[in-house]
Amino acid sequence: MKRPVWHFELVRDTNAPFDLVRQKLLDGQAYYKWHPRHRSATPEIIEDGECFEIVCRFPGFFVYEEARYRVEAIDGRLLLTYRNRFKGWPVLPLMGWWRIKSERVWERFIACLMA
């Protein structure tokens, strides 16, 4: 029997400067300020001009998690996309909790930009 998989996506936009957003997203030591679960992330960075993506993988014995943060410049604004994928049997009872903890991830991130 295959393990359950659950995923979700949050999309927001901002007028913050691209370089500032990039710098804050790449500051792995400060992830805990805006994302409650990514305290020990070792990100993979994919850059493509005015677009970049950070991929954090958390292989676990019971649950595998993959988080993707994408920033893309479109018409003078930045499109912020957060995609998360969980795989494993504990996903079923925990998916609601993870959704609640991640719901305002971009709002918390923007608040960190202003601090």
PDB file of N, CA and C in Angstrom:
ATOM      1  N   MET A   1       0.836  -1.181   0.000  1.00  0.00           N
ATOM      2  CA  MET A   1       0.000   0.000   0.000  1.00  0.00           C
ATOM      3  C   MET A   1       0.887   1.253   0.000  1.00  0.00           C
ATOM      4  N   LYS A   2       0.546   2.187  -0.848  1.00  0.00           N
ATOM      5  CA  LYS A   2       1.327   3.422  -0.936  1.00  0.00           C
ATOM      6  C   LYS A   2       1.065   4.313   0.268  1.00  0.00           C
ATOM      7  N   ARG A   3       2.103   5.104   0.602  1.00  0.00           N
ATOM      8  CA  ARG A   3       1.956   6.055   1.701  1.00  0.00           C
ATOM      9  C   ARG A   3       1.136   7.261   1.237  1.00  0.00           C
ATOM     10  N   PRO A   4       0.325   7.839   2.138  1.00  0.00           N
ATOM     11  CA  PRO A   4      -0.464   9.015   1.759  1.00  0.00           C
ATOM     12  C   PRO A   4       0.425  10.222   1.454  1.00  0.00           C
ATOM     13  N   VAL A   5      -0.013  11.031   0.508  1.00  0.00           N
ATOM     14  CA  VAL A   5       0.696  12.257   0.132  1.00  0.00           C
ATOM     15  C   VAL A   5      -0.293  13.412   0.261  1.00  0.00           C
ATOM     16  N   TRP A   6       0.189  14.516   0.823  1.00  0.00           N
ATOM     17  CA  TRP A   6      -0.642  15.708   0.968  1.00  0.00           C
ATOM     18  C   TRP A   6       0.194  16.907   0.558  1.00  0.00           C
ATOM     19  N   HIS A   7      -0.398  17.846  -0.149  1.00  0.00           N
ATOM     20  CA  HIS A   7       0.342  19.036  -0.553  1.00  0.00           C
ATOM     21  C   HIS A   7      -0.593  20.230  -0.562  1.00  0.00           C
ATOM     22  N   PHE A   8       0.008  21.409  -0.451  1.00  0.00           N
ATOM     23  CA  PHE A   8      -0.749  22.640  -0.572  1.00  0.00           C
ATOM     24  C   PHE A   8       0.145  23.735  -1.120  1.00  0.00           C
ATOM     25  N   GLU A   9      -0.492  24.842  -1.504  1.00  0.00           N
ATOM     26  CA  GLU A   9       0.226  25.953  -2.114  1.00  0.00           C
ATOM     27  C   GLU A   9      -0.364  27.266  -1.607  1.00  0.00           C
ATOM     28  N   LEU A  10       0.510  28.210  -1.283  1.00  0.00           N
ATOM     29  CA  LEU A  10       0.108  29.560  -0.886  1.00  0.00           C
ATOM     30  C   LEU A  10       0.783  30.549  -1.827  1.00  0.00           C
ATOM     31  N   VAL A  11       0.008  31.477  -2.389  1.00  0.00           N
ATOM     32  CA  VAL A  11       0.554  32.460  -3.325  1.00  0.00           C
ATOM     33  C   VAL A  11       0.176  33.859  -2.843  1.00  0.00           C
ATOM     34  N   ARG A  12       1.157  34.738  -2.795  1.00  0.00           N
ATOM     35  CA  ARG A  12       0.939  36.137  -2.429  1.00  0.00           C
ATOM     36  C   ARG A  12       1.803  36.992  -3.354  1.00  0.00           C
ATOM     37  N   ASP A  13       1.576  38.301  -3.335  1.00  0.00           N
ATOM     38  CA  ASP A  13       2.458  39.198  -4.071  1.00  0.00           C
ATOM     39  C   ASP A  13       2.829  40.364  -3.170  1.00  0.00           C
ATOM     40  N   THR A  14       3.923  41.023  -3.518  1.00  0.00           N
ATOM     41  CA  THR A  14       4.428  42.134  -2.720  1.00  0.00           C
ATOM     42  C   THR A  14       5.151  43.113  -3.631  1.00  0.00           C
ATOM     43  N   ASN A  15       5.323  44.324  -3.142  1.00  0.00           N
ATOM     44  CA  ASN A  15       6.104  45.310  -3.887  1.00  0.00           C
ATOM     45  C   ASN A  15       7.481  45.498  -3.242  1.00  0.00           C
ATOM     46  N   ALA A  16       7.883  44.587  -2.373  1.00  0.00           N
ATOM     47  CA  ALA A  16       9.201  44.657  -1.731  1.00  0.00           C
ATOM     48  C   ALA A  16      10.306  44.498  -2.779  1.00  0.00           C
ATOM     49  N   PRO A  17      11.466  45.087  -2.540  1.00  0.00           N
ATOM     50  CA  PRO A  17      12.586  44.960  -3.488  1.00  0.00           C
ATOM     51  C   PRO A  17      13.066  43.502  -3.607  1.00  0.00           C
ATOM     52  N   PHE A  18      13.346  43.100  -4.836  1.00  0.00           N
ATOM     53  CA  PHE A  18      13.768  41.721  -5.111  1.00  0.00           C
ATOM     54  C   PHE A  18      14.998  41.327  -4.289  1.00  0.00           C
ATOM     55  N   ASP A  19      16.004  42.203  -4.233  1.00  0.00           N
ATOM     56  CA  ASP A  19      17.240  41.879  -3.517  1.00  0.00           C
ATOM     57  C   ASP A  19      17.008  41.673  -2.033  1.00  0.00           C
ATOM     58  N   LEU A  20      16.123  42.475  -1.431  1.00  0.00           N
ATOM     59  CA  LEU A  20      15.818  42.315  -0.011  1.00  0.00           C
ATOM     60  C   LEU A  20      15.101  40.997   0.262  1.00  0.00           C
ATOM     61  N   VAL A  21      14.143  40.655  -0.583  1.00  0.00           N
ATOM     62  CA  VAL A  21      13.421  39.383  -0.429  1.00  0.00           C
ATOM     63  C   VAL A  21      14.379  38.218  -0.592  1.00  0.00           C
ATOM     64  N   ARG A  22      15.235  38.289  -1.586  1.00  0.00           N
ATOM     65  CA  ARG A  22      16.219  37.221  -1.820  1.00  0.00           C
ATOM     66  C   ARG A  22      17.138  37.054  -0.623  1.00  0.00           C
ATOM     67  N   GLN A  23      17.643  38.168  -0.095  1.00  0.00           N
ATOM     68  CA  GLN A  23      18.550  38.125   1.049  1.00  0.00           C
ATOM     69  C   GLN A  23      17.878  37.492   2.272  1.00  0.00           C
ATOM     70  N   LYS A  24      16.641  37.884   2.558  1.00  0.00           N
ATOM     71  CA  LYS A  24      15.929  37.342   3.730  1.00  0.00           C
ATOM     72  C   LYS A  24      15.601  35.868   3.558  1.00  0.00           C
ATOM     73  N   LEU A  25      15.232  35.468   2.334  1.00  0.00           N
ATOM     74  CA  LEU A  25      14.926  34.056   2.108  1.00  0.00           C
ATOM     75  C   LEU A  25      16.170  33.181   2.218  1.00  0.00           C
ATOM     76  N   LEU A  26      17.311  33.722   1.837  1.00  0.00           N
ATOM     77  CA  LEU A  26      18.540  32.944   1.897  1.00  0.00           C
ATOM     78  C   LEU A  26      19.154  32.920   3.294  1.00  0.00           C
ATOM     79  N   ASP A  27      18.627  33.695   4.216  1.00  0.00           N
ATOM     80  CA  ASP A  27      19.123  33.724   5.587  1.00  0.00           C
ATOM     81  C   ASP A  27      18.522  32.542   6.351  1.00  0.00           C
ATOM     82  N   GLY A  28      19.109  31.377   6.193  1.00  0.00           N
ATOM     83  CA  GLY A  28      18.607  30.153   6.815  1.00  0.00           C
ATOM     84  C   GLY A  28      18.546  30.206   8.326  1.00  0.00           C
ATOM     85  N   GLN A  29      19.368  31.025   8.949  1.00  0.00           N
ATOM     86  CA  GLN A  29      19.356  31.126  10.403  1.00  0.00           C
ATOM     87  C   GLN A  29      18.102  31.837  10.903  1.00  0.00           C
ATOM     88  N   ALA A  30      17.419  32.577  10.044  1.00  0.00           N
ATOM     89  CA  ALA A  30      16.246  33.332  10.472  1.00  0.00           C
ATOM     90  C   ALA A  30      14.931  32.696  10.020  1.00  0.00           C
ATOM     91  N   TYR A  31      14.974  31.483   9.470  1.00  0.00           N
ATOM     92  CA  TYR A  31      13.731  30.837   9.024  1.00  0.00           C
ATOM     93  C   TYR A  31      12.720  30.739  10.147  1.00  0.00           C
ATOM     94  N   TYR A  32      13.168  30.460  11.356  1.00  0.00           N
ATOM     95  CA  TYR A  32      12.257  30.247  12.473  1.00  0.00           C
ATOM     96  C   TYR A  32      11.407  31.486  12.765  1.00  0.00           C
ATOM     97  N   LYS A  33      11.848  32.665  12.327  1.00  0.00           N
ATOM     98  CA  LYS A  33      11.084  33.888  12.588  1.00  0.00           C
ATOM     99  C   LYS A  33       9.779  33.922  11.801  1.00  0.00           C
ATOM    100  N   TRP A  34       9.770  33.292  10.639  1.00  0.00           N
ATOM    101  CA  TRP A  34       8.566  33.366   9.813  1.00  0.00           C
ATOM    102  C   TRP A  34       8.000  32.012   9.430  1.00  0.00           C
ATOM    103  N   HIS A  35       8.769  30.941   9.572  1.00  0.00           N
ATOM    104  CA  HIS A  35       8.211  29.614   9.321  1.00  0.00           C
ATOM    105  C   HIS A  35       8.513  28.710  10.508  1.00  0.00           C
ATOM    106  N   PRO A  36       7.499  28.288  11.220  1.00  0.00           N
ATOM    107  CA  PRO A  36       7.704  27.574  12.478  1.00  0.00           C
ATOM    108  C   PRO A  36       8.376  26.208  12.364  1.00  0.00           C
ATOM    109  N   ARG A  37       8.333  25.569  11.220  1.00  0.00           N
ATOM    110  CA  ARG A  37       8.895  24.220  11.128  1.00  0.00           C
ATOM    111  C   ARG A  37      10.302  24.168  10.557  1.00  0.00           C
ATOM    112  N   HIS A  38      10.719  25.172   9.829  1.00  0.00           N
ATOM    113  CA  HIS A  38      11.983  25.091   9.107  1.00  0.00           C
ATOM    114  C   HIS A  38      13.135  25.667   9.908  1.00  0.00           C
ATOM    115  N   ARG A  39      13.406  25.073  11.039  1.00  0.00           N
ATOM    116  CA  ARG A  39      14.478  25.564  11.903  1.00  0.00           C
ATOM    117  C   ARG A  39      15.841  25.019  11.491  1.00  0.00           C
ATOM    118  N   SER A  40      15.887  23.842  10.928  1.00  0.00           N
ATOM    119  CA  SER A  40      17.176  23.223  10.595  1.00  0.00           C
ATOM    120  C   SER A  40      17.268  22.935   9.099  1.00  0.00           C
ATOM    121  N   ALA A  41      16.827  23.878   8.298  1.00  0.00           N
ATOM    122  CA  ALA A  41      16.791  23.665   6.852  1.00  0.00           C
ATOM    123  C   ALA A  41      18.173  23.829   6.231  1.00  0.00           C
ATOM    124  N   THR A  42      18.469  22.964   5.268  1.00  0.00           N
ATOM    125  CA  THR A  42      19.645  23.108   4.421  1.00  0.00           C
ATOM    126  C   THR A  42      19.110  23.275   3.006  1.00  0.00           C
ATOM    127  N   PRO A  43      18.931  24.507   2.567  1.00  0.00           N
ATOM    128  CA  PRO A  43      18.230  24.732   1.305  1.00  0.00           C
ATOM    129  C   PRO A  43      19.076  24.481   0.065  1.00  0.00           C
ATOM    130  N   GLU A  44      18.397  24.077  -0.990  1.00  0.00           N
ATOM    131  CA  GLU A  44      18.970  24.004  -2.336  1.00  0.00           C
ATOM    132  C   GLU A  44      18.444  25.236  -3.065  1.00  0.00           C
ATOM    133  N   ILE A  45      19.327  25.996  -3.684  1.00  0.00           N
ATOM    134  CA  ILE A  45      18.950  27.256  -4.309  1.00  0.00           C
ATOM    135  C   ILE A  45      19.018  27.112  -5.827  1.00  0.00           C
ATOM    136  N   ILE A  46      17.933  27.470  -6.487  1.00  0.00           N
ATOM    137  CA  ILE A  46      17.846  27.414  -7.939  1.00  0.00           C
ATOM    138  C   ILE A  46      17.585  28.836  -8.420  1.00  0.00           C
ATOM    139  N   GLU A  47      18.541  29.421  -9.165  1.00  0.00           N
ATOM    140  CA  GLU A  47      18.399  30.802  -9.627  1.00  0.00           C
ATOM    141  C   GLU A  47      18.278  30.839 -11.140  1.00  0.00           C
ATOM    142  N   ASP A  48      17.416  31.756 -11.594  1.00  0.00           N
ATOM    143  CA  ASP A  48      17.201  31.925 -13.022  1.00  0.00           C
ATOM    144  C   ASP A  48      16.844  33.386 -13.290  1.00  0.00           C
ATOM    145  N   GLY A  49      17.833  34.257 -13.268  1.00  0.00           N
ATOM    146  CA  GLY A  49      17.618  35.681 -13.539  1.00  0.00           C
ATOM    147  C   GLY A  49      16.753  36.351 -12.486  1.00  0.00           C
ATOM    148  N   GLU A  50      15.576  36.838 -12.892  1.00  0.00           N
ATOM    149  CA  GLU A  50      14.656  37.532 -11.993  1.00  0.00           C
ATOM    150  C   GLU A  50      13.719  36.566 -11.275  1.00  0.00           C
ATOM    151  N   CYS A  51      14.130  35.341 -11.155  1.00  0.00           N
ATOM    152  CA  CYS A  51      13.324  34.328 -10.488  1.00  0.00           C
ATOM    153  C   CYS A  51      14.275  33.408  -9.732  1.00  0.00           C
ATOM    154  N   PHE A  52      13.922  33.059  -8.521  1.00  0.00           N
ATOM    155  CA  PHE A  52      14.719  32.060  -7.825  1.00  0.00           C
ATOM    156  C   PHE A  52      13.825  31.224  -6.939  1.00  0.00           C
ATOM    157  N   GLU A  53      14.327  30.050  -6.616  1.00  0.00           N
ATOM    158  CA  GLU A  53      13.557  29.084  -5.848  1.00  0.00           C
ATOM    159  C   GLU A  53      14.461  28.455  -4.801  1.00  0.00           C
ATOM    160  N   ILE A  54      13.904  28.252  -3.628  1.00  0.00           N
ATOM    161  CA  ILE A  54      14.607  27.567  -2.551  1.00  0.00           C
ATOM    162  C   ILE A  54      13.843  26.288  -2.274  1.00  0.00           C
ATOM    163  N   VAL A  55      14.561  25.174  -2.271  1.00  0.00           N
ATOM    164  CA  VAL A  55      13.950  23.876  -2.011  1.00  0.00           C
ATOM    165  C   VAL A  55      14.558  23.321  -0.733  1.00  0.00           C
ATOM    166  N   CYS A  56      13.703  23.023   0.227  1.00  0.00           N
ATOM    167  CA  CYS A  56      14.129  22.428   1.498  1.00  0.00           C
ATOM    168  C   CYS A  56      13.521  21.033   1.589  1.00  0.00           C
ATOM    169  N   ARG A  57      14.364  20.049   1.767  1.00  0.00           N
ATOM    170  CA  ARG A  57      13.880  18.667   1.904  1.00  0.00           C
ATOM    171  C   ARG A  57      14.188  18.177   3.310  1.00  0.00           C
ATOM    172  N   PHE A  58      13.193  17.533   3.900  1.00  0.00           N
ATOM    173  CA  PHE A  58      13.330  16.998   5.245  1.00  0.00           C
ATOM    174  C   PHE A  58      12.968  15.515   5.212  1.00  0.00           C
ATOM    175  N   PRO A  59      13.939  14.664   4.856  1.00  0.00           N
ATOM    176  CA  PRO A  59      13.632  13.235   4.843  1.00  0.00           C
ATOM    177  C   PRO A  59      13.577  12.715   6.273  1.00  0.00           C
ATOM    178  N   GLY A  60      12.478  12.124   6.610  1.00  0.00           N
ATOM    179  CA  GLY A  60      12.323  11.561   7.943  1.00  0.00           C
ATOM    180  C   GLY A  60      11.932  10.097   7.853  1.00  0.00           C
ATOM    181  N   PHE A  61      11.999   9.425   8.964  1.00  0.00           N
ATOM    182  CA  PHE A  61      11.655   8.012   8.986  1.00  0.00           C
ATOM    183  C   PHE A  61      10.162   7.807   8.747  1.00  0.00           C
ATOM    184  N   PHE A  62       9.346   8.678   9.342  1.00  0.00           N
ATOM    185  CA  PHE A  62       7.901   8.536   9.226  1.00  0.00           C
ATOM    186  C   PHE A  62       7.278   9.479   8.199  1.00  0.00           C
ATOM    187  N   VAL A  63       7.831  10.676   8.074  1.00  0.00           N
ATOM    188  CA  VAL A  63       7.266  11.676   7.163  1.00  0.00           C
ATOM    189  C   VAL A  63       8.391  12.317   6.353  1.00  0.00           C
ATOM    190  N   TYR A  64       8.168  12.415   5.047  1.00  0.00           N
ATOM    191  CA  TYR A  64       9.077  13.128   4.156  1.00  0.00           C
ATOM    192  C   TYR A  64       8.404  14.454   3.827  1.00  0.00           C
ATOM    193  N   GLU A  65       9.144  15.555   3.928  1.00  0.00           N
ATOM    194  CA  GLU A  65       8.596  16.868   3.607  1.00  0.00           C
ATOM    195  C   GLU A  65       9.497  17.558   2.589  1.00  0.00           C
ATOM    196  N   GLU A  66       8.864  18.213   1.640  1.00  0.00           N
ATOM    197  CA  GLU A  66       9.591  19.034   0.669  1.00  0.00           C
ATOM    198  C   GLU A  66       8.876  20.378   0.575  1.00  0.00           C
ATOM    199  N   ALA A  67       9.596  21.444   0.874  1.00  0.00           N
ATOM    200  CA  ALA A  67       9.044  22.798   0.812  1.00  0.00           C
ATOM    201  C   ALA A  67       9.759  23.570  -0.290  1.00  0.00           C
ATOM    202  N   ARG A  68       8.988  24.318  -1.074  1.00  0.00           N
ATOM    203  CA  ARG A  68       9.543  25.127  -2.155  1.00  0.00           C
ATOM    204  C   ARG A  68       9.053  26.564  -2.010  1.00  0.00           C
ATOM    205  N   TYR A  69      10.005  27.476  -1.977  1.00  0.00           N
ATOM    206  CA  TYR A  69       9.715  28.910  -1.924  1.00  0.00           C
ATOM    207  C   TYR A  69      10.184  29.503  -3.237  1.00  0.00           C
ATOM    208  N   ARG A  70       9.279  30.107  -3.990  1.00  0.00           N
ATOM    209  CA  ARG A  70       9.626  30.660  -5.298  1.00  0.00           C
ATOM    210  C   ARG A  70       9.301  32.154  -5.306  1.00  0.00           C
ATOM    211  N   VAL A  71      10.230  32.935  -5.805  1.00  0.00           N
ATOM    212  CA  VAL A  71      10.050  34.382  -5.941  1.00  0.00           C
ATOM    213  C   VAL A  71      10.265  34.720  -7.406  1.00  0.00           C
ATOM    214  N   GLU A  72       9.286  35.404  -7.982  1.00  0.00           N
ATOM    215  CA  GLU A  72       9.338  35.720  -9.403  1.00  0.00           C
ATOM    216  C   GLU A  72       8.889  37.163  -9.622  1.00  0.00           C
ATOM    217  N   ALA A  73       9.676  37.929 -10.342  1.00  0.00           N
ATOM    218  CA  ALA A  73       9.327  39.319 -10.645  1.00  0.00           C
ATOM    219  C   ALA A  73       8.369  39.354 -11.831  1.00  0.00           C
ATOM    220  N   ILE A  74       7.186  39.951 -11.609  1.00  0.00           N
ATOM    221  CA  ILE A  74       6.179  40.055 -12.662  1.00  0.00           C
ATOM    222  C   ILE A  74       5.575  41.456 -12.611  1.00  0.00           C
ATOM    223  N   ASP A  75       5.730  42.221 -13.673  1.00  0.00           N
ATOM    224  CA  ASP A  75       5.131  43.559 -13.800  1.00  0.00           C
ATOM    225  C   ASP A  75       5.425  44.462 -12.607  1.00  0.00           C
ATOM    226  N   GLY A  76       6.657  44.512 -12.169  1.00  0.00           N
ATOM    227  CA  GLY A  76       7.046  45.410 -11.092  1.00  0.00           C
ATOM    228  C   GLY A  76       6.703  44.926  -9.694  1.00  0.00           C
ATOM    229  N   ARG A  77       6.110  43.761  -9.565  1.00  0.00           N
ATOM    230  CA  ARG A  77       5.786  43.178  -8.256  1.00  0.00           C
ATOM    231  C   ARG A  77       6.453  41.810  -8.169  1.00  0.00           C
ATOM    232  N   LEU A  78       6.526  41.300  -6.969  1.00  0.00           N
ATOM    233  CA  LEU A  78       7.090  39.973  -6.766  1.00  0.00           C
ATOM    234  C   LEU A  78       5.970  38.994  -6.434  1.00  0.00           C
ATOM    235  N   LEU A  79       5.952  37.890  -7.130  1.00  0.00           N
ATOM    236  CA  LEU A  79       5.001  36.822  -6.859  1.00  0.00           C
ATOM    237  C   LEU A  79       5.698  35.827  -5.939  1.00  0.00           C
ATOM    238  N   LEU A  80       5.145  35.622  -4.752  1.00  0.00           N
ATOM    239  CA  LEU A  80       5.712  34.707  -3.759  1.00  0.00           C
ATOM    240  C   LEU A  80       4.870  33.442  -3.740  1.00  0.00           C
ATOM    241  N   THR A  81       5.488  32.310  -4.012  1.00  0.00           N
ATOM    242  CA  THR A  81       4.774  31.037  -4.040  1.00  0.00           C
ATOM    243  C   THR A  81       5.427  30.075  -3.068  1.00  0.00           C
ATOM    244  N   TYR A  82       4.610  29.465  -2.231  1.00  0.00           N
ATOM    245  CA  TYR A  82       5.083  28.462  -1.272  1.00  0.00           C
ATOM    246  C   TYR A  82       4.321  27.176  -1.540  1.00  0.00           C
ATOM    247  N   ARG A  83       5.052  26.131  -1.863  1.00  0.00           N
ATOM    248  CA  ARG A  83       4.450  24.810  -2.096  1.00  0.00           C
ATOM    249  C   ARG A  83       5.053  23.834  -1.092  1.00  0.00           C
ATOM    250  N   ASN A  84       4.214  23.006  -0.537  1.00  0.00           N
ATOM    251  CA  ASN A  84       4.698  22.030   0.423  1.00  0.00           C
ATOM    252  C   ASN A  84       4.095  20.676   0.107  1.00  0.00           C
ATOM    253  N   ARG A  85       4.893  19.649   0.287  1.00  0.00           N
ATOM    254  CA  ARG A  85       4.466  18.276   0.007  1.00  0.00           C
ATOM    255  C   ARG A  85       4.910  17.393   1.164  1.00  0.00           C
ATOM    256  N   PHE A  86       3.986  16.632   1.691  1.00  0.00           N
ATOM    257  CA  PHE A  86       4.261  15.692   2.780  1.00  0.00           C
ATOM    258  C   PHE A  86       3.907  14.288   2.312  1.00  0.00           C
ATOM    259  N   LYS A  87       4.706  13.329   2.754  1.00  0.00           N
ATOM    260  CA  LYS A  87       4.441  11.946   2.383  1.00  0.00           C
ATOM    261  C   LYS A  87       4.712  11.067   3.596  1.00  0.00           C
ATOM    262  N   GLY A  88       3.769  10.211   3.942  1.00  0.00           N
ATOM    263  CA  GLY A  88       3.941   9.290   5.061  1.00  0.00           C
ATOM    264  C   GLY A  88       2.626   9.058   5.792  1.00  0.00           C
ATOM    265  N   TRP A  89       2.574   7.997   6.580  1.00  0.00           N
ATOM    266  CA  TRP A  89       1.334   7.670   7.290  1.00  0.00           C
ATOM    267  C   TRP A  89       0.942   8.705   8.348  1.00  0.00           C
ATOM    268  N   PRO A  90       1.850   9.330   9.075  1.00  0.00           N
ATOM    269  CA  PRO A  90       1.426  10.355  10.046  1.00  0.00           C
ATOM    270  C   PRO A  90       0.816  11.605   9.399  1.00  0.00           C
ATOM    271  N   VAL A  91       0.879  11.702   8.074  1.00  0.00           N
ATOM    272  CA  VAL A  91       0.317  12.856   7.377  1.00  0.00           C
ATOM    273  C   VAL A  91      -1.184  12.982   7.662  1.00  0.00           C
ATOM    274  N   LEU A  92      -1.879  11.879   7.703  1.00  0.00           N
ATOM    275  CA  LEU A  92      -3.333  11.922   7.875  1.00  0.00           C
ATOM    276  C   LEU A  92      -3.758  12.682   9.132  1.00  0.00           C
ATOM    277  N   PRO A  93      -3.237  12.363  10.319  1.00  0.00           N
ATOM    278  CA  PRO A  93      -3.668  13.135  11.493  1.00  0.00           C
ATOM    279  C   PRO A  93      -2.997  14.506  11.615  1.00  0.00           C
ATOM    280  N   LEU A  94      -1.859  14.731  10.946  1.00  0.00           N
ATOM    281  CA  LEU A  94      -1.114  15.975  11.131  1.00  0.00           C
ATOM    282  C   LEU A  94      -1.369  17.051  10.073  1.00  0.00           C
ATOM    283  N   MET A  95      -2.030  16.714   8.962  1.00  0.00           N
ATOM    284  CA  MET A  95      -2.137  17.687   7.879  1.00  0.00           C
ATOM    285  C   MET A  95      -2.899  18.944   8.278  1.00  0.00           C
ATOM    286  N   GLY A  96      -3.889  18.847   9.095  1.00  0.00           N
ATOM    287  CA  GLY A  96      -4.607  20.035   9.548  1.00  0.00           C
ATOM    288  C   GLY A  96      -3.720  20.952  10.374  1.00  0.00           C
ATOM    289  N   TRP A  97      -2.920  20.359  11.258  1.00  0.00           N
ATOM    290  CA  TRP A  97      -1.999  21.134  12.096  1.00  0.00           C
ATOM    291  C   TRP A  97      -0.966  21.856  11.233  1.00  0.00           C
ATOM    292  N   TRP A  98      -0.399  21.153  10.256  1.00  0.00           N
ATOM    293  CA  TRP A  98       0.593  21.769   9.374  1.00  0.00           C
ATOM    294  C   TRP A  98      -0.027  22.911   8.581  1.00  0.00           C
ATOM    295  N   ARG A  99      -1.260  22.728   8.145  1.00  0.00           N
ATOM    296  CA  ARG A  99      -1.952  23.775   7.374  1.00  0.00           C
ATOM    297  C   ARG A  99      -2.140  25.034   8.228  1.00  0.00           C
ATOM    298  N   ILE A 100      -2.553  24.841   9.468  1.00  0.00           N
ATOM    299  CA  ILE A 100      -2.752  25.977  10.379  1.00  0.00           C
ATOM    300  C   ILE A 100      -1.431  26.698  10.624  1.00  0.00           C
ATOM    301  N   LYS A 101      -0.353  25.975  10.859  1.00  0.00           N
ATOM    302  CA  LYS A 101       0.950  26.574  11.138  1.00  0.00           C
ATOM    303  C   LYS A 101       1.537  27.298   9.924  1.00  0.00           C
ATOM    304  N   SER A 102       1.141  26.896   8.722  1.00  0.00           N
ATOM    305  CA  SER A 102       1.716  27.475   7.506  1.00  0.00           C
ATOM    306  C   SER A 102       0.828  28.514   6.838  1.00  0.00           C
ATOM    307  N   GLU A 103      -0.372  28.696   7.324  1.00  0.00           N
ATOM    308  CA  GLU A 103      -1.362  29.534   6.637  1.00  0.00           C
ATOM    309  C   GLU A 103      -0.874  30.959   6.375  1.00  0.00           C
ATOM    310  N   ARG A 104      -0.223  31.582   7.310  1.00  0.00           N
ATOM    311  CA  ARG A 104       0.193  32.974   7.150  1.00  0.00           C
ATOM    312  C   ARG A 104       1.706  33.104   6.983  1.00  0.00           C
ATOM    313  N   VAL A 105       2.337  32.126   6.345  1.00  0.00           N
ATOM    314  CA  VAL A 105       3.790  32.125   6.208  1.00  0.00           C
ATOM    315  C   VAL A 105       4.294  33.361   5.463  1.00  0.00           C
ATOM    316  N   TRP A 106       3.639  33.759   4.375  1.00  0.00           N
ATOM    317  CA  TRP A 106       4.109  34.924   3.618  1.00  0.00           C
ATOM    318  C   TRP A 106       3.856  36.214   4.371  1.00  0.00           C
ATOM    319  N   GLU A 107       2.771  36.305   5.108  1.00  0.00           N
ATOM    320  CA  GLU A 107       2.506  37.509   5.898  1.00  0.00           C
ATOM    321  C   GLU A 107       3.572  37.683   6.979  1.00  0.00           C
ATOM    322  N   ARG A 108       3.964  36.577   7.634  1.00  0.00           N
ATOM    323  CA  ARG A 108       5.029  36.641   8.644  1.00  0.00           C
ATOM    324  C   ARG A 108       6.360  36.994   7.993  1.00  0.00           C
ATOM    325  N   PHE A 109       6.601  36.486   6.801  1.00  0.00           N
ATOM    326  CA  PHE A 109       7.829  36.796   6.086  1.00  0.00           C
ATOM    327  C   PHE A 109       7.903  38.290   5.761  1.00  0.00           C
ATOM    328  N   ILE A 110       6.815  38.857   5.245  1.00  0.00           N
ATOM    329  CA  ILE A 110       6.791  40.289   4.914  1.00  0.00           C
ATOM    330  C   ILE A 110       6.982  41.125   6.174  1.00  0.00           C
ATOM    331  N   ALA A 111       6.424  40.696   7.290  1.00  0.00           N
ATOM    332  CA  ALA A 111       6.627  41.414   8.557  1.00  0.00           C
ATOM    333  C   ALA A 111       8.112  41.415   8.938  1.00  0.00           C
ATOM    334  N   CYS A 112       8.824  40.316   8.673  1.00  0.00           N
ATOM    335  CA  CYS A 112      10.273  40.248   8.947  1.00  0.00           C
ATOM    336  C   CYS A 112      11.047  41.192   8.035  1.00  0.00           C
ATOM    337  N   LEU A 113      10.557  41.412   6.828  1.00  0.00           N
ATOM    338  CA  LEU A 113      11.225  42.340   5.911  1.00  0.00           C
ATOM    339  C   LEU A 113      11.187  43.760   6.457  1.00  0.00           C
ATOM    340  N   MET A 114      10.105  44.097   7.101  1.00  0.00           N
ATOM    341  CA  MET A 114       9.925  45.455   7.609  1.00  0.00           C
ATOM    342  C   MET A 114      10.604  45.685   8.945  1.00  0.00           C
ATOM    343  N   ALA A 115      11.002  44.633   9.614  1.00  0.00           N
ATOM    344  CA  ALA A 115      11.628  44.769  10.937  1.00  0.00           C
ATOM    345  C   ALA A 115      13.090  45.171  10.835  1.00  0.00           C
TER     346      ALA A 115
END
